[in-house]
Amino acid sequence: MQQHFSESELQKIFAPPKPKMTSILELIQKAQELKDEKAG
């Protein structure tokens, strides 16, 4: 598993589920970061 995923990714995979609102906000944040990288 560790060959395919970074340590932070593994922590997210095995972390207990979060409230829906938190994960939605995280998805939005990730999308904005990706957009910023492409724009940069």
PDB file of N, CA and C in Angstrom:
ATOM      1  N   MET A   1       0.840  -1.210   0.000  1.00  0.00           N
ATOM      2  CA  MET A   1       0.000   0.000   0.000  1.00  0.00           C
ATOM      3  C   MET A   1       0.871   1.254   0.000  1.00  0.00           C
ATOM      4  N   GLN A   2       1.925   1.259   0.786  1.00  0.00           N
ATOM      5  CA  GLN A   2       2.724   2.477   0.928  1.00  0.00           C
ATOM      6  C   GLN A   2       3.467   2.830  -0.356  1.00  0.00           C
ATOM      7  N   GLN A   3       3.620   1.852  -1.249  1.00  0.00           N
ATOM      8  CA  GLN A   3       4.270   2.152  -2.522  1.00  0.00           C
ATOM      9  C   GLN A   3       3.373   3.022  -3.396  1.00  0.00           C
ATOM     10  N   HIS A   4       2.068   2.870  -3.226  1.00  0.00           N
ATOM     11  CA  HIS A   4       1.131   3.580  -4.100  1.00  0.00           C
ATOM     12  C   HIS A   4       0.635   4.889  -3.503  1.00  0.00           C
ATOM     13  N   PHE A   5       0.648   4.984  -2.176  1.00  0.00           N
ATOM     14  CA  PHE A   5       0.077   6.160  -1.507  1.00  0.00           C
ATOM     15  C   PHE A   5       1.100   6.810  -0.588  1.00  0.00           C
ATOM     16  N   SER A   6       1.058   8.130  -0.506  1.00  0.00           N
ATOM     17  CA  SER A   6       1.897   8.826   0.464  1.00  0.00           C
ATOM     18  C   SER A   6       1.316   8.625   1.862  1.00  0.00           C
ATOM     19  N   GLU A   7       2.088   8.972   2.866  1.00  0.00           N
ATOM     20  CA  GLU A   7       1.630   8.763   4.237  1.00  0.00           C
ATOM     21  C   GLU A   7       0.367   9.562   4.540  1.00  0.00           C
ATOM     22  N   SER A   8       0.300  10.800   4.047  1.00  0.00           N
ATOM     23  CA  SER A   8      -0.892  11.610   4.307  1.00  0.00           C
ATOM     24  C   SER A   8      -2.118  11.022   3.611  1.00  0.00           C
ATOM     25  N   GLU A   9      -1.931  10.451   2.426  1.00  0.00           N
ATOM     26  CA  GLU A   9      -3.055   9.813   1.740  1.00  0.00           C
ATOM     27  C   GLU A   9      -3.545   8.598   2.526  1.00  0.00           C
ATOM     28  N   LEU A  10      -2.607   7.805   3.055  1.00  0.00           N
ATOM     29  CA  LEU A  10      -2.998   6.645   3.850  1.00  0.00           C
ATOM     30  C   LEU A  10      -3.776   7.078   5.090  1.00  0.00           C
ATOM     31  N   GLN A  11      -3.338   8.161   5.719  1.00  0.00           N
ATOM     32  CA  GLN A  11      -4.047   8.649   6.909  1.00  0.00           C
ATOM     33  C   GLN A  11      -5.470   9.049   6.556  1.00  0.00           C
ATOM     34  N   LYS A  12      -5.663   9.677   5.389  1.00  0.00           N
ATOM     35  CA  LYS A  12      -7.007  10.062   4.974  1.00  0.00           C
ATOM     36  C   LYS A  12      -7.867   8.831   4.707  1.00  0.00           C
ATOM     37  N   ILE A  13      -7.260   7.824   4.062  1.00  0.00           N
ATOM     38  CA  ILE A  13      -8.006   6.614   3.721  1.00  0.00           C
ATOM     39  C   ILE A  13      -8.492   5.910   4.989  1.00  0.00           C
ATOM     40  N   PHE A  14      -7.614   5.837   5.997  1.00  0.00           N
ATOM     41  CA  PHE A  14      -7.940   5.072   7.200  1.00  0.00           C
ATOM     42  C   PHE A  14      -8.540   5.919   8.316  1.00  0.00           C
ATOM     43  N   ALA A  15      -8.647   7.227   8.088  1.00  0.00           N
ATOM     44  CA  ALA A  15      -9.237   8.100   9.107  1.00  0.00           C
ATOM     45  C   ALA A  15     -10.730   7.805   9.235  1.00  0.00           C
ATOM     46  N   PRO A  16     -11.281   7.995  10.428  1.00  0.00           N
ATOM     47  CA  PRO A  16     -12.721   7.821  10.584  1.00  0.00           C
ATOM     48  C   PRO A  16     -13.478   8.825   9.714  1.00  0.00           C
ATOM     49  N   PRO A  17     -14.690   8.488   9.296  1.00  0.00           N
ATOM     50  CA  PRO A  17     -15.442   9.396   8.435  1.00  0.00           C
ATOM     51  C   PRO A  17     -15.696  10.738   9.115  1.00  0.00           C
ATOM     52  N   LYS A  18     -15.662  11.788   8.324  1.00  0.00           N
ATOM     53  CA  LYS A  18     -15.903  13.130   8.858  1.00  0.00           C
ATOM     54  C   LYS A  18     -17.336  13.542   8.548  1.00  0.00           C
ATOM     55  N   PRO A  19     -17.805  14.572   9.224  1.00  0.00           N
ATOM     56  CA  PRO A  19     -19.119  15.124   8.864  1.00  0.00           C
ATOM     57  C   PRO A  19     -19.120  15.551   7.395  1.00  0.00           C
ATOM     58  N   LYS A  20     -20.272  15.452   6.749  1.00  0.00           N
ATOM     59  CA  LYS A  20     -20.384  15.751   5.315  1.00  0.00           C
ATOM     60  C   LYS A  20     -19.864  17.150   4.973  1.00  0.00           C
ATOM     61  N   MET A  21     -20.199  18.115   5.787  1.00  0.00           N
ATOM     62  CA  MET A  21     -19.825  19.494   5.479  1.00  0.00           C
ATOM     63  C   MET A  21     -18.309  19.630   5.379  1.00  0.00           C
ATOM     64  N   THR A  22     -17.595  18.963   6.281  1.00  0.00           N
ATOM     65  CA  THR A  22     -16.133  19.055   6.268  1.00  0.00           C
ATOM     66  C   THR A  22     -15.576  18.509   4.974  1.00  0.00           C
ATOM     67  N   SER A  23     -16.053  17.348   4.549  1.00  0.00           N
ATOM     68  CA  SER A  23     -15.504  16.757   3.333  1.00  0.00           C
ATOM     69  C   SER A  23     -15.868  17.578   2.102  1.00  0.00           C
ATOM     70  N   ILE A  24     -17.038  18.183   2.091  1.00  0.00           N
ATOM     71  CA  ILE A  24     -17.421  19.052   0.971  1.00  0.00           C
ATOM     72  C   ILE A  24     -16.468  20.255   0.902  1.00  0.00           C
ATOM     73  N   LEU A  25     -16.202  20.857   2.048  1.00  0.00           N
ATOM     74  CA  LEU A  25     -15.285  21.997   2.076  1.00  0.00           C
ATOM     75  C   LEU A  25     -13.892  21.584   1.610  1.00  0.00           C
ATOM     76  N   GLU A  26     -13.455  20.399   2.005  1.00  0.00           N
ATOM     77  CA  GLU A  26     -12.143  19.926   1.577  1.00  0.00           C
ATOM     78  C   GLU A  26     -12.099  19.721   0.065  1.00  0.00           C
ATOM     79  N   LEU A  27     -13.186  19.171  -0.493  1.00  0.00           N
ATOM     80  CA  LEU A  27     -13.233  18.978  -1.943  1.00  0.00           C
ATOM     81  C   LEU A  27     -13.154  20.312  -2.674  1.00  0.00           C
ATOM     82  N   ILE A  28     -13.869  21.301  -2.177  1.00  0.00           N
ATOM     83  CA  ILE A  28     -13.835  22.639  -2.782  1.00  0.00           C
ATOM     84  C   ILE A  28     -12.419  23.205  -2.714  1.00  0.00           C
ATOM     85  N   GLN A  29     -11.794  23.050  -1.551  1.00  0.00           N
ATOM     86  CA  GLN A  29     -10.441  23.568  -1.361  1.00  0.00           C
ATOM     87  C   GLN A  29      -9.467  22.892  -2.327  1.00  0.00           C
ATOM     88  N   LYS A  30      -9.574  21.577  -2.469  1.00  0.00           N
ATOM     89  CA  LYS A  30      -8.703  20.844  -3.378  1.00  0.00           C
ATOM     90  C   LYS A  30      -8.915  21.311  -4.824  1.00  0.00           C
ATOM     91  N   ALA A  31     -10.167  21.491  -5.206  1.00  0.00           N
ATOM     92  CA  ALA A  31     -10.467  21.933  -6.564  1.00  0.00           C
ATOM     93  C   ALA A  31      -9.852  23.305  -6.830  1.00  0.00           C
ATOM     94  N   GLN A  32      -9.925  24.191  -5.843  1.00  0.00           N
ATOM     95  CA  GLN A  32      -9.345  25.524  -5.997  1.00  0.00           C
ATOM     96  C   GLN A  32      -7.833  25.435  -6.119  1.00  0.00           C
ATOM     97  N   GLU A  33      -7.203  24.551  -5.339  1.00  0.00           N
ATOM     98  CA  GLU A  33      -5.752  24.394  -5.406  1.00  0.00           C
ATOM     99  C   GLU A  33      -5.341  23.886  -6.782  1.00  0.00           C
ATOM    100  N   LEU A  34      -6.072  22.904  -7.309  1.00  0.00           N
ATOM    101  CA  LEU A  34      -5.769  22.376  -8.637  1.00  0.00           C
ATOM    102  C   LEU A  34      -5.918  23.459  -9.695  1.00  0.00           C
ATOM    103  N   LYS A  35      -6.985  24.248  -9.565  1.00  0.00           N
ATOM    104  CA  LYS A  35      -7.226  25.329 -10.519  1.00  0.00           C
ATOM    105  C   LYS A  35      -6.082  26.349 -10.459  1.00  0.00           C
ATOM    106  N   ASP A  36      -5.636  26.674  -9.242  1.00  0.00           N
ATOM    107  CA  ASP A  36      -4.537  27.630  -9.075  1.00  0.00           C
ATOM    108  C   ASP A  36      -3.249  27.094  -9.705  1.00  0.00           C
ATOM    109  N   GLU A  37      -2.996  25.787  -9.548  1.00  0.00           N
ATOM    110  CA  GLU A  37      -1.793  25.207 -10.129  1.00  0.00           C
ATOM    111  C   GLU A  37      -1.820  25.300 -11.650  1.00  0.00           C
ATOM    112  N   LYS A  38      -2.989  25.022 -12.247  1.00  0.00           N
ATOM    113  CA  LYS A  38      -3.094  25.079 -13.703  1.00  0.00           C
ATOM    114  C   LYS A  38      -2.964  26.521 -14.191  1.00  0.00           C
ATOM    115  N   ALA A  39      -3.535  27.464 -13.443  1.00  0.00           N
ATOM    116  CA  ALA A  39      -3.473  28.864 -13.833  1.00  0.00           C
ATOM    117  C   ALA A  39      -2.032  29.395 -13.714  1.00  0.00           C
ATOM    118  N   GLY A  40      -1.311  28.893 -12.719  1.00  0.00           N
ATOM    119  CA  GLY A  40       0.047  29.354 -12.478  1.00  0.00           C
ATOM    120  C   GLY A  40       0.969  28.892 -13.566  1.00  0.00           C
TER     121      GLY A  40
END
